[in-house]
Amino acid sequence: MKKVLFVCVHNAGRSQMAKAFFNRLAKGKAKALSAGTSPSDAVDPTVVSVMKEIGIDISGVRPKALTPEMLGQVDRVVTMGCSVGGICPATFVETEDWGLEDPKGKPLEKVREIRDEVRARVLKLLEESGI
């Protein structure tokens, strides 16, 4: 089974949304993990809220730290705009960066836009992967 790792700095927004969308849309044909280089204590409450609006509950998810073992378990690594600030987590493996805006501190409407962009990119990734 193909595995994808979504990485952002705090693992509290973009990567959590991408993981949730990927796992839902892949319907068991592939699996996503998510992690961060400096994980937060909790997923951003606004992110939890906008995901819940569309029927995906990530309220029980906790941010995780990126480990070398995670990188070794996956077929593809997608970073989520974390090259901003020069702390991209996985420069020693081939990655693809989606350059997504961080939802932290953004108004609800903006977080919805980011959520919808994450979903669109996950759908494209699944299509490209033949899943």
C-alpha atoms as a PDB file:
ATOM      1  CA  MET A   1       0.000   0.000   0.000  1.00  0.00           C
ATOM      2  CA  LYS A   2       1.319   3.435  -0.941  1.00  0.00           C
ATOM      3  CA  LYS A   3       1.970   5.834   1.925  1.00  0.00           C
ATOM      4  CA  VAL A   4       2.260   9.606   1.843  1.00  0.00           C
ATOM      5  CA  LEU A   5       3.639  11.807   4.610  1.00  0.00           C
ATOM      6  CA  PHE A   6       2.310  15.362   4.900  1.00  0.00           C
ATOM      7  CA  VAL A   7       4.640  17.652   6.852  1.00  0.00           C
ATOM      8  CA  CYS A   8       4.260  21.180   8.171  1.00  0.00           C
ATOM      9  CA  VAL A   9       6.080  22.934  10.969  1.00  0.00           C
ATOM     10  CA  HIS A  10       3.497  22.613  13.762  1.00  0.00           C
ATOM     11  CA  ASN A  11       1.427  19.682  12.435  1.00  0.00           C
ATOM     12  CA  ALA A  12      -1.612  21.595  13.635  1.00  0.00           C
ATOM     13  CA  GLY A  13      -3.354  22.660  10.421  1.00  0.00           C
ATOM     14  CA  ARG A  14      -2.424  22.026   6.805  1.00  0.00           C
ATOM     15  CA  SER A  15      -0.808  18.625   7.224  1.00  0.00           C
ATOM     16  CA  GLN A  16      -3.645  17.425   9.461  1.00  0.00           C
ATOM     17  CA  MET A  17      -6.237  18.508   6.867  1.00  0.00           C
ATOM     18  CA  ALA A  18      -4.279  16.838   4.059  1.00  0.00           C
ATOM     19  CA  LYS A  19      -3.941  13.596   6.011  1.00  0.00           C
ATOM     20  CA  ALA A  20      -7.661  13.536   6.824  1.00  0.00           C
ATOM     21  CA  PHE A  21      -8.689  14.251   3.231  1.00  0.00           C
ATOM     22  CA  PHE A  22      -6.227  11.731   1.811  1.00  0.00           C
ATOM     23  CA  ASN A  23      -7.299   8.914   4.120  1.00  0.00           C
ATOM     24  CA  ARG A  24     -10.986   9.610   3.512  1.00  0.00           C
ATOM     25  CA  LEU A  25     -10.688   9.941  -0.278  1.00  0.00           C
ATOM     26  CA  ALA A  26      -8.241   7.048  -0.776  1.00  0.00           C
ATOM     27  CA  LYS A  27     -10.836   4.675   0.716  1.00  0.00           C
ATOM     28  CA  GLY A  28      -8.223   2.283   2.076  1.00  0.00           C
ATOM     29  CA  LYS A  29      -6.212   2.036  -1.172  1.00  0.00           C
ATOM     30  CA  ALA A  30      -3.399   4.193   0.250  1.00  0.00           C
ATOM     31  CA  LYS A  31      -2.571   5.763   3.598  1.00  0.00           C
ATOM     32  CA  ALA A  32      -1.389   9.162   4.778  1.00  0.00           C
ATOM     33  CA  LEU A  33       0.583  10.148   7.856  1.00  0.00           C
ATOM     34  CA  SER A  34       1.342  13.659   9.086  1.00  0.00           C
ATOM     35  CA  ALA A  35       4.016  15.208  11.254  1.00  0.00           C
ATOM     36  CA  GLY A  36       5.794  18.443  12.089  1.00  0.00           C
ATOM     37  CA  THR A  37       9.301  19.649  12.859  1.00  0.00           C
ATOM     38  CA  SER A  38       8.093  21.599  15.881  1.00  0.00           C
ATOM     39  CA  PRO A  39       4.683  20.128  16.716  1.00  0.00           C
ATOM     40  CA  SER A  40       2.085  22.135  18.621  1.00  0.00           C
ATOM     41  CA  ASP A  41       0.307  20.817  21.670  1.00  0.00           C
ATOM     42  CA  ALA A  42      -3.001  20.550  19.778  1.00  0.00           C
ATOM     43  CA  VAL A  43      -4.559  20.902  16.348  1.00  0.00           C
ATOM     44  CA  ASP A  44      -5.701  24.476  15.664  1.00  0.00           C
ATOM     45  CA  PRO A  45      -9.332  24.766  16.866  1.00  0.00           C
ATOM     46  CA  THR A  46     -10.348  26.712  13.745  1.00  0.00           C
ATOM     47  CA  VAL A  47      -8.978  23.900  11.574  1.00  0.00           C
ATOM     48  CA  VAL A  48     -10.954  21.363  13.624  1.00  0.00           C
ATOM     49  CA  SER A  49     -14.053  23.522  13.147  1.00  0.00           C
ATOM     50  CA  VAL A  50     -13.782  23.920   9.350  1.00  0.00           C
ATOM     51  CA  MET A  51     -13.138  20.208   8.909  1.00  0.00           C
ATOM     52  CA  LYS A  52     -16.119  19.357  11.097  1.00  0.00           C
ATOM     53  CA  GLU A  53     -18.266  21.610   8.842  1.00  0.00           C
ATOM     54  CA  ILE A  54     -17.697  19.140   6.006  1.00  0.00           C
ATOM     55  CA  GLY A  55     -18.158  16.000   8.092  1.00  0.00           C
ATOM     56  CA  ILE A  56     -14.551  15.190   8.999  1.00  0.00           C
ATOM     57  CA  ASP A  57     -13.828  15.109  12.728  1.00  0.00           C
ATOM     58  CA  ILE A  58     -10.155  15.580  13.571  1.00  0.00           C
ATOM     59  CA  SER A  59     -10.772  16.746  17.137  1.00  0.00           C
ATOM     60  CA  GLY A  60      -9.099  13.643  18.599  1.00  0.00           C
ATOM     61  CA  VAL A  61      -5.933  14.002  16.529  1.00  0.00           C
ATOM     62  CA  ARG A  62      -2.714  15.159  18.182  1.00  0.00           C
ATOM     63  CA  PRO A  63       0.305  16.727  16.437  1.00  0.00           C
ATOM     64  CA  LYS A  64       3.329  14.458  16.086  1.00  0.00           C
ATOM     65  CA  ALA A  65       7.036  15.089  15.676  1.00  0.00           C
ATOM     66  CA  LEU A  66       8.666  14.149  12.390  1.00  0.00           C
ATOM     67  CA  THR A  67      11.075  11.224  12.765  1.00  0.00           C
ATOM     68  CA  PRO A  68      13.577   9.598  10.409  1.00  0.00           C
ATOM     69  CA  GLU A  69      11.549   6.383  10.748  1.00  0.00           C
ATOM     70  CA  MET A  70       8.465   8.117   9.321  1.00  0.00           C
ATOM     71  CA  LEU A  71      10.460   9.229   6.288  1.00  0.00           C
ATOM     72  CA  GLY A  72      11.603   5.657   5.752  1.00  0.00           C
ATOM     73  CA  GLN A  73       8.038   4.283   5.809  1.00  0.00           C
ATOM     74  CA  VAL A  74       6.576   6.394   3.016  1.00  0.00           C
ATOM     75  CA  ASP A  75       6.627   6.544  -0.772  1.00  0.00           C
ATOM     76  CA  ARG A  76       6.135  10.293  -1.006  1.00  0.00           C
ATOM     77  CA  VAL A  77       6.697  13.345   1.217  1.00  0.00           C
ATOM     78  CA  VAL A  78       4.668  16.520   0.742  1.00  0.00           C
ATOM     79  CA  THR A  79       5.614  19.599   2.729  1.00  0.00           C
ATOM     80  CA  MET A  80       2.959  22.196   3.335  1.00  0.00           C
ATOM     81  CA  GLY A  81       4.575  25.596   2.831  1.00  0.00           C
ATOM     82  CA  CYS A  82       7.082  25.004   5.589  1.00  0.00           C
ATOM     83  CA  SER A  83      10.025  26.167   3.529  1.00  0.00           C
ATOM     84  CA  VAL A  84       8.970  29.626   4.670  1.00  0.00           C
ATOM     85  CA  GLY A  85      11.293  30.543   7.499  1.00  0.00           C
ATOM     86  CA  GLY A  86      14.004  28.166   6.329  1.00  0.00           C
ATOM     87  CA  ILE A  87      13.039  25.218   8.492  1.00  0.00           C
ATOM     88  CA  CYS A  88      11.893  22.727   5.894  1.00  0.00           C
ATOM     89  CA  PRO A  89      11.893  19.368   7.655  1.00  0.00           C
ATOM     90  CA  ALA A  90      12.925  16.933   5.007  1.00  0.00           C
ATOM     91  CA  THR A  91      15.627  18.493   2.875  1.00  0.00           C
ATOM     92  CA  PHE A  92      17.540  15.204   2.779  1.00  0.00           C
ATOM     93  CA  VAL A  93      14.730  13.333   0.995  1.00  0.00           C
ATOM     94  CA  GLU A  94      12.885  14.206  -2.177  1.00  0.00           C
ATOM     95  CA  THR A  95       9.865  16.312  -1.313  1.00  0.00           C
ATOM     96  CA  GLU A  96       7.184  18.297  -3.015  1.00  0.00           C
ATOM     97  CA  ASP A  97       6.131  21.569  -1.400  1.00  0.00           C
ATOM     98  CA  TRP A  98       2.585  22.827  -1.813  1.00  0.00           C
ATOM     99  CA  GLY A  99       3.346  26.340  -0.565  1.00  0.00           C
ATOM    100  CA  LEU A 100       0.104  26.617   1.388  1.00  0.00           C
ATOM    101  CA  GLU A 101      -0.613  29.509   3.703  1.00  0.00           C
ATOM    102  CA  ASP A 102      -0.573  28.655   7.413  1.00  0.00           C
ATOM    103  CA  PRO A 103      -4.124  28.819   8.859  1.00  0.00           C
ATOM    104  CA  LYS A 104      -2.877  29.782  12.331  1.00  0.00           C
ATOM    105  CA  GLY A 105      -4.513  32.998  13.473  1.00  0.00           C
ATOM    106  CA  LYS A 106      -6.481  33.436  10.246  1.00  0.00           C
ATOM    107  CA  PRO A 107     -10.206  34.256  10.160  1.00  0.00           C
ATOM    108  CA  LEU A 108     -12.650  31.404   9.612  1.00  0.00           C
ATOM    109  CA  GLU A 109     -13.289  32.337   5.964  1.00  0.00           C
ATOM    110  CA  LYS A 110      -9.553  32.197   5.153  1.00  0.00           C
ATOM    111  CA  VAL A 111      -9.151  28.833   6.902  1.00  0.00           C
ATOM    112  CA  ARG A 112     -12.036  27.518   4.780  1.00  0.00           C
ATOM    113  CA  GLU A 113     -10.179  28.674   1.638  1.00  0.00           C
ATOM    114  CA  ILE A 114      -7.017  26.912   2.790  1.00  0.00           C
ATOM    115  CA  ARG A 115      -9.055  23.766   3.598  1.00  0.00           C
ATOM    116  CA  ASP A 116     -10.580  23.759   0.126  1.00  0.00           C
ATOM    117  CA  GLU A 117      -7.160  24.217  -1.498  1.00  0.00           C
ATOM    118  CA  VAL A 118      -5.774  21.307   0.540  1.00  0.00           C
ATOM    119  CA  ARG A 119      -8.682  19.122  -0.591  1.00  0.00           C
ATOM    120  CA  ALA A 120      -8.174  20.052  -4.253  1.00  0.00           C
ATOM    121  CA  ARG A 121      -4.469  19.243  -4.072  1.00  0.00           C
ATOM    122  CA  VAL A 122      -5.118  15.924  -2.315  1.00  0.00           C
ATOM    123  CA  LEU A 123      -7.617  14.976  -5.020  1.00  0.00           C
ATOM    124  CA  LYS A 124      -5.022  15.808  -7.691  1.00  0.00           C
ATOM    125  CA  LEU A 125      -2.377  13.778  -5.837  1.00  0.00           C
ATOM    126  CA  LEU A 126      -4.692  10.774  -5.640  1.00  0.00           C
ATOM    127  CA  GLU A 127      -5.520  11.097  -9.328  1.00  0.00           C
ATOM    128  CA  GLU A 128      -1.832  11.348 -10.284  1.00  0.00           C
ATOM    129  CA  SER A 129      -1.138   8.271  -8.172  1.00  0.00           C
ATOM    130  CA  GLY A 130      -3.911   6.288  -9.824  1.00  0.00           C
ATOM    131  CA  ILE A 131      -5.812   5.918  -6.568  1.00  0.00           C
END
